[in-house]
Structure formats: C-alpha cells, structure tokens
PDB file of N, CA and C in Angstrom:
ATOM      1  N   MET A   1     138.226  72.173  39.609  1.00  0.00           N
ATOM      2  CA  MET A   1     138.346  73.293  40.522  1.00  0.00           C
ATOM      3  C   MET A   1     136.967  73.570  41.098  1.00  0.00           C
ATOM      4  N   GLY A   2     136.870  73.680  42.415  1.00  0.00           N
ATOM      5  CA  GLY A   2     135.606  73.927  43.079  1.00  0.00           C
ATOM      6  C   GLY A   2     135.243  75.404  43.066  1.00  0.00           C
ATOM      7  N   PHE A   3     134.004  75.685  43.340  1.00  0.00           N
ATOM      8  CA  PHE A   3     133.522  77.061  43.338  1.00  0.00           C
ATOM      9  C   PHE A   3     134.243  77.894  44.389  1.00  0.00           C
ATOM     10  N   GLY A   4     134.495  77.306  45.563  1.00  0.00           N
ATOM     11  CA  GLY A   4     135.202  78.010  46.628  1.00  0.00           C
ATOM     12  C   GLY A   4     136.598  78.423  46.213  1.00  0.00           C
ATOM     13  N   SER A   5     137.272  77.583  45.462  1.00  0.00           N
ATOM     14  CA  SER A   5     138.614  77.911  44.990  1.00  0.00           C
ATOM     15  C   SER A   5     138.574  79.119  44.059  1.00  0.00           C
ATOM     16  N   TYR A   6     137.568  79.181  43.219  1.00  0.00           N
ATOM     17  CA  TYR A   6     137.437  80.313  42.305  1.00  0.00           C
ATOM     18  C   TYR A   6     137.233  81.599  43.099  1.00  0.00           C
ATOM     19  N   ASP A   7     136.359  81.552  44.116  1.00  0.00           N
ATOM     20  CA  ASP A   7     136.094  82.739  44.916  1.00  0.00           C
ATOM     21  C   ASP A   7     137.367  83.264  45.557  1.00  0.00           C
ATOM     22  N   GLU A   8     138.170  82.380  46.134  1.00  0.00           N
ATOM     23  CA  GLU A   8     139.392  82.800  46.795  1.00  0.00           C
ATOM     24  C   GLU A   8     140.388  83.390  45.803  1.00  0.00           C
ATOM     25  N   SER A   9     140.558  82.728  44.667  1.00  0.00           N
ATOM     26  CA  SER A   9     141.536  83.237  43.702  1.00  0.00           C
ATOM     27  C   SER A   9     141.059  84.551  43.087  1.00  0.00           C
ATOM     28  N   GLU A  10     139.764  84.692  42.864  1.00  0.00           N
ATOM     29  CA  GLU A  10     139.226  85.934  42.310  1.00  0.00           C
ATOM     30  C   GLU A  10     139.414  87.073  43.298  1.00  0.00           C
ATOM     31  N   GLN A  11     139.183  86.814  44.564  1.00  0.00           N
ATOM     32  CA  GLN A  11     139.355  87.841  45.581  1.00  0.00           C
ATOM     33  C   GLN A  11     140.816  88.260  45.660  1.00  0.00           C
ATOM     34  N   GLU A  12     141.732  87.303  45.624  1.00  0.00           N
ATOM     35  CA  GLU A  12     143.156  87.628  45.666  1.00  0.00           C
ATOM     36  C   GLU A  12     143.555  88.442  44.436  1.00  0.00           C
ATOM     37  N   ARG A  13     143.013  88.087  43.267  1.00  0.00           N
ATOM     38  CA  ARG A  13     143.341  88.815  42.047  1.00  0.00           C
ATOM     39  C   ARG A  13     142.886  90.267  42.154  1.00  0.00           C
ATOM     40  N   GLN A  14     141.686  90.495  42.689  1.00  0.00           N
ATOM     41  CA  GLN A  14     141.170  91.852  42.817  1.00  0.00           C
ATOM     42  C   GLN A  14     141.992  92.659  43.805  1.00  0.00           C
ATOM     43  N   GLN A  15     142.431  92.027  44.882  1.00  0.00           N
ATOM     44  CA  GLN A  15     143.249  92.728  45.861  1.00  0.00           C
ATOM     45  C   GLN A  15     144.609  93.083  45.270  1.00  0.00           C
ATOM     46  N   ASN A  16     145.156  92.221  44.429  1.00  0.00           N
ATOM     47  CA  ASN A  16     146.452  92.471  43.817  1.00  0.00           C
ATOM     48  C   ASN A  16     146.377  93.492  42.698  1.00  0.00           C
ATOM     49  N   ASP A  17     145.176  93.765  42.187  1.00  0.00           N
ATOM     50  CA  ASP A  17     145.012  94.756  41.124  1.00  0.00           C
ATOM     51  C   ASP A  17     145.167  96.180  41.638  1.00  0.00           C
ATOM     52  N   GLY A  18     145.350  96.342  42.943  1.00  0.00           N
ATOM     53  CA  GLY A  18     145.534  97.671  43.502  1.00  0.00           C
ATOM     54  C   GLY A  18     144.230  98.407  43.681  1.00  0.00           C
ATOM     55  N   GLY A  19     143.253  97.792  44.272  1.00  0.00           N
ATOM     56  CA  GLY A  19     141.960  98.399  44.481  1.00  0.00           C
ATOM     57  C   GLY A  19     142.014  99.682  45.284  1.00  0.00           C
ATOM     58  N   ASP A  20     143.066  99.890  46.079  1.00  0.00           N
ATOM     59  CA  ASP A  20     143.194 101.095  46.896  1.00  0.00           C
ATOM     60  C   ASP A  20     144.455 101.848  46.492  1.00  0.00           C
ATOM     61  N   ALA A  21     144.627 102.021  45.206  1.00  0.00           N
ATOM     62  CA  ALA A  21     145.846 102.638  44.693  1.00  0.00           C
ATOM     63  C   ALA A  21     145.723 104.144  44.558  1.00  0.00           C
ATOM     64  N   GLY A  22     144.720 104.752  45.201  1.00  0.00           N
ATOM     65  CA  GLY A  22     144.563 106.192  45.109  1.00  0.00           C
ATOM     66  C   GLY A  22     143.992 106.638  43.779  1.00  0.00           C
ATOM     67  N   ASP A  23     143.296 105.753  43.096  1.00  0.00           N
ATOM     68  CA  ASP A  23     142.750 106.103  41.785  1.00  0.00           C
ATOM     69  C   ASP A  23     141.356 106.701  41.884  1.00  0.00           C
ATOM     70  N   GLY A  24     140.910 107.026  43.096  1.00  0.00           N
ATOM     71  CA  GLY A  24     139.601 107.625  43.273  1.00  0.00           C
ATOM     72  C   GLY A  24     138.470 106.621  43.300  1.00  0.00           C
ATOM     73  N   SER A  25     138.779 105.331  43.318  1.00  0.00           N
ATOM     74  CA  SER A  25     137.730 104.330  43.289  1.00  0.00           C
ATOM     75  C   SER A  25     137.141 104.063  44.674  1.00  0.00           C
ATOM     76  N   THR A  26     137.744 104.619  45.725  1.00  0.00           N
ATOM     77  CA  THR A  26     137.208 104.446  47.059  1.00  0.00           C
ATOM     78  C   THR A  26     136.542 105.739  47.509  1.00  0.00           C
ATOM     79  N   VAL A  27     135.622 105.617  48.435  1.00  0.00           N
ATOM     80  CA  VAL A  27     134.893 106.774  48.923  1.00  0.00           C
ATOM     81  C   VAL A  27     135.139 106.915  50.412  1.00  0.00           C
ATOM     82  N   ASP A  28     135.479 108.107  50.840  1.00  0.00           N
ATOM     83  CA  ASP A  28     135.649 108.398  52.254  1.00  0.00           C
ATOM     84  C   ASP A  28     134.331 108.968  52.764  1.00  0.00           C
ATOM     85  N   ALA A  29     133.572 108.142  53.487  1.00  0.00           N
ATOM     86  CA  ALA A  29     132.244 108.549  53.947  1.00  0.00           C
ATOM     87  C   ALA A  29     132.308 109.694  54.953  1.00  0.00           C
ATOM     88  N   HIS A  30     133.447 109.923  55.557  1.00  0.00           N
ATOM     89  CA  HIS A  30     133.568 110.962  56.578  1.00  0.00           C
ATOM     90  C   HIS A  30     134.308 112.187  56.052  1.00  0.00           C
ATOM     91  N   GLU A  31     134.496 112.263  54.756  1.00  0.00           N
ATOM     92  CA  GLU A  31     135.251 113.365  54.172  1.00  0.00           C
ATOM     93  C   GLU A  31     134.613 114.716  54.466  1.00  0.00           C
ATOM     94  N   ASN A  32     133.283 114.781  54.505  1.00  0.00           N
ATOM     95  CA  ASN A  32     132.600 116.055  54.693  1.00  0.00           C
ATOM     96  C   ASN A  32     131.802 116.116  55.987  1.00  0.00           C
ATOM     97  N   ASP A  33     132.243 115.389  57.009  1.00  0.00           N
ATOM     98  CA  ASP A  33     131.565 115.442  58.301  1.00  0.00           C
ATOM     99  C   ASP A  33     131.695 116.841  58.899  1.00  0.00           C
ATOM    100  N   HIS A  34     130.687 117.259  59.627  1.00  0.00           N
ATOM    101  CA  HIS A  34     130.762 118.530  60.335  1.00  0.00           C
ATOM    102  C   HIS A  34     129.936 118.428  61.602  1.00  0.00           C
ATOM    103  N   ASP A  35     130.212 119.309  62.538  1.00  0.00           N
ATOM    104  CA  ASP A  35     129.518 119.301  63.818  1.00  0.00           C
ATOM    105  C   ASP A  35     128.580 120.488  63.944  1.00  0.00           C
ATOM    106  N   GLY A  36     128.236 121.105  62.836  1.00  0.00           N
ATOM    107  CA  GLY A  36     127.382 122.282  62.866  1.00  0.00           C
ATOM    108  C   GLY A  36     125.922 121.937  63.028  1.00  0.00           C
ATOM    109  N   THR A  37     125.102 122.962  62.948  1.00  0.00           N
ATOM    110  CA  THR A  37     123.658 122.781  63.021  1.00  0.00           C
ATOM    111  C   THR A  37     123.030 123.364  61.764  1.00  0.00           C
ATOM    112  N   ALA A  38     121.845 122.912  61.467  1.00  0.00           N
ATOM    113  CA  ALA A  38     121.107 123.423  60.325  1.00  0.00           C
ATOM    114  C   ALA A  38     119.694 123.751  60.778  1.00  0.00           C
ATOM    115  N   SER A  39     119.179 124.848  60.272  1.00  0.00           N
ATOM    116  CA  SER A  39     117.810 125.213  60.595  1.00  0.00           C
ATOM    117  C   SER A  39     117.203 125.912  59.385  1.00  0.00           C
ATOM    118  N   PHE A  40     115.885 125.938  59.346  1.00  0.00           N
ATOM    119  CA  PHE A  40     115.197 126.615  58.253  1.00  0.00           C
ATOM    120  C   PHE A  40     113.826 127.052  58.720  1.00  0.00           C
ATOM    121  N   GLU A  41     113.286 128.012  58.022  1.00  0.00           N
ATOM    122  CA  GLU A  41     111.931 128.463  58.285  1.00  0.00           C
ATOM    123  C   GLU A  41     111.121 128.203  57.032  1.00  0.00           C
ATOM    124  N   ALA A  42     110.046 127.469  57.170  1.00  0.00           N
ATOM    125  CA  ALA A  42     109.241 127.089  56.017  1.00  0.00           C
ATOM    126  C   ALA A  42     108.418 128.259  55.486  1.00  0.00           C
ATOM    127  N   GLY A  43     108.077 129.191  56.330  1.00  0.00           N
ATOM    128  CA  GLY A  43     107.272 130.313  55.889  1.00  0.00           C
ATOM    129  C   GLY A  43     105.798 129.959  55.766  1.00  0.00           C
ATOM    130  N   ALA A  44     105.440 128.757  56.139  1.00  0.00           N
ATOM    131  CA  ALA A  44     104.045 128.332  56.088  1.00  0.00           C
ATOM    132  C   ALA A  44     103.761 127.492  57.335  1.00  0.00           C
ATOM    133  N   SER A  45     102.520 127.478  57.723  1.00  0.00           N
ATOM    134  CA  SER A  45     102.155 126.686  58.899  1.00  0.00           C
ATOM    135  C   SER A  45     102.124 125.206  58.528  1.00  0.00           C
ATOM    136  N   THR A  46     102.138 124.384  59.535  1.00  0.00           N
ATOM    137  CA  THR A  46     102.069 122.943  59.319  1.00  0.00           C
ATOM    138  C   THR A  46     100.781 122.573  58.595  1.00  0.00           C
ATOM    139  N   ASP A  47      99.689 123.208  58.972  1.00  0.00           N
ATOM    140  CA  ASP A  47      98.406 122.935  58.315  1.00  0.00           C
ATOM    141  C   ASP A  47      98.466 123.265  56.829  1.00  0.00           C
ATOM    142  N   ASP A  48      99.106 124.390  56.495  1.00  0.00           N
ATOM    143  CA  ASP A  48      99.239 124.770  55.082  1.00  0.00           C
ATOM    144  C   ASP A  48     100.052 123.734  54.312  1.00  0.00           C
ATOM    145  N   LEU A  49     101.127 123.268  54.907  1.00  0.00           N
ATOM    146  CA  LEU A  49     101.984 122.285  54.251  1.00  0.00           C
ATOM    147  C   LEU A  49     101.268 120.954  54.071  1.00  0.00           C
ATOM    148  N   VAL A  50     100.536 120.516  55.087  1.00  0.00           N
ATOM    149  CA  VAL A  50      99.796 119.256  54.990  1.00  0.00           C
ATOM    150  C   VAL A  50      98.712 119.375  53.930  1.00  0.00           C
ATOM    151  N   SER A  51      98.069 120.504  53.881  1.00  0.00           N
ATOM    152  CA  SER A  51      97.030 120.736  52.872  1.00  0.00           C
ATOM    153  C   SER A  51      97.623 120.691  51.465  1.00  0.00           C
ATOM    154  N   ALA A  52      98.773 121.317  51.277  1.00  0.00           N
ATOM    155  CA  ALA A  52      99.433 121.312  49.969  1.00  0.00           C
ATOM    156  C   ALA A  52      99.840 119.896  49.576  1.00  0.00           C
ATOM    157  N   LEU A  53     100.330 119.119  50.534  1.00  0.00           N
ATOM    158  CA  LEU A  53     100.707 117.738  50.267  1.00  0.00           C
ATOM    159  C   LEU A  53      99.486 116.916  49.861  1.00  0.00           C
ATOM    160  N   SER A  54      98.394 117.117  50.562  1.00  0.00           N
ATOM    161  CA  SER A  54      97.158 116.405  50.219  1.00  0.00           C
ATOM    162  C   SER A  54      96.713 116.724  48.805  1.00  0.00           C
ATOM    163  N   GLU A  55      96.822 117.991  48.419  1.00  0.00           N
ATOM    164  CA  GLU A  55      96.450 118.395  47.053  1.00  0.00           C
ATOM    165  C   GLU A  55      97.349 117.717  46.023  1.00  0.00           C
ATOM    166  N   MET A  56      98.662 117.641  46.315  1.00  0.00           N
ATOM    167  CA  MET A  56      99.589 116.983  45.380  1.00  0.00           C
ATOM    168  C   MET A  56      99.246 115.503  45.233  1.00  0.00           C
ATOM    169  N   LYS A  57      98.925 114.855  46.354  1.00  0.00           N
ATOM    170  CA  LYS A  57      98.567 113.439  46.296  1.00  0.00           C
ATOM    171  C   LYS A  57      97.270 113.238  45.523  1.00  0.00           C
ATOM    172  N   ASP A  58      96.295 114.133  45.717  1.00  0.00           N
ATOM    173  CA  ASP A  58      95.033 114.046  44.978  1.00  0.00           C
ATOM    174  C   ASP A  58      95.278 114.215  43.488  1.00  0.00           C
ATOM    175  N   ASP A  59      96.181 115.119  43.109  1.00  0.00           N
ATOM    176  CA  ASP A  59      96.511 115.323  41.694  1.00  0.00           C
ATOM    177  C   ASP A  59      97.142 114.067  41.095  1.00  0.00           C
ATOM    178  N   GLU A  60      97.980 113.375  41.866  1.00  0.00           N
ATOM    179  CA  GLU A  60      98.595 112.124  41.384  1.00  0.00           C
ATOM    180  C   GLU A  60      97.531 111.062  41.164  1.00  0.00           C
ATOM    181  N   ASP A  61      96.575 110.981  42.065  1.00  0.00           N
ATOM    182  CA  ASP A  61      95.507 109.977  41.953  1.00  0.00           C
ATOM    183  C   ASP A  61      94.623 110.231  40.740  1.00  0.00           C
ATOM    184  N   ASP A  62      94.459 111.495  40.367  1.00  0.00           N
ATOM    185  CA  ASP A  62      93.614 111.848  39.218  1.00  0.00           C
ATOM    186  C   ASP A  62      94.251 111.450  37.899  1.00  0.00           C
ATOM    187  N   GLU A  63      95.568 111.320  37.887  1.00  0.00           N
ATOM    188  CA  GLU A  63      96.269 111.005  36.622  1.00  0.00           C
ATOM    189  C   GLU A  63      96.162 109.583  36.245  1.00  0.00           C
TER     190      GLU A  63
END
C-alpha cells in the first residue's frame, strides 16, 4: 500500500467519523461578529506612554 493510499483512506475515515456532528468540535469564526465601534481614552499623553514603555524595556534588560 502506497503512502497516497493511506492518506486518502485516512481522510475518508475521518470524514465518516462525523467530524461535523454538532459535537462542538467546530468553531464558527463569525459567531460574534459585530458592526459597532470601540474607543477608549488612555488618560495619559503619548509621550507618557512611550516613556513608561521605555522604562519597562530597561527593567527587562537589567534582569
């Protein structure tokens, strides 16, 4: 039996096992789609945030 034959029979076996039998094994990527908008206020200026990030990176380098 060739490798290709195994691939085909294995694929058929998996399809016959009921892969889409409603057992929750599939994921609906569009289940929670929405057309809304999201916004936030950081409460800090961009300079403050960049400075804080630089400090965090410096702390990582020190470890």
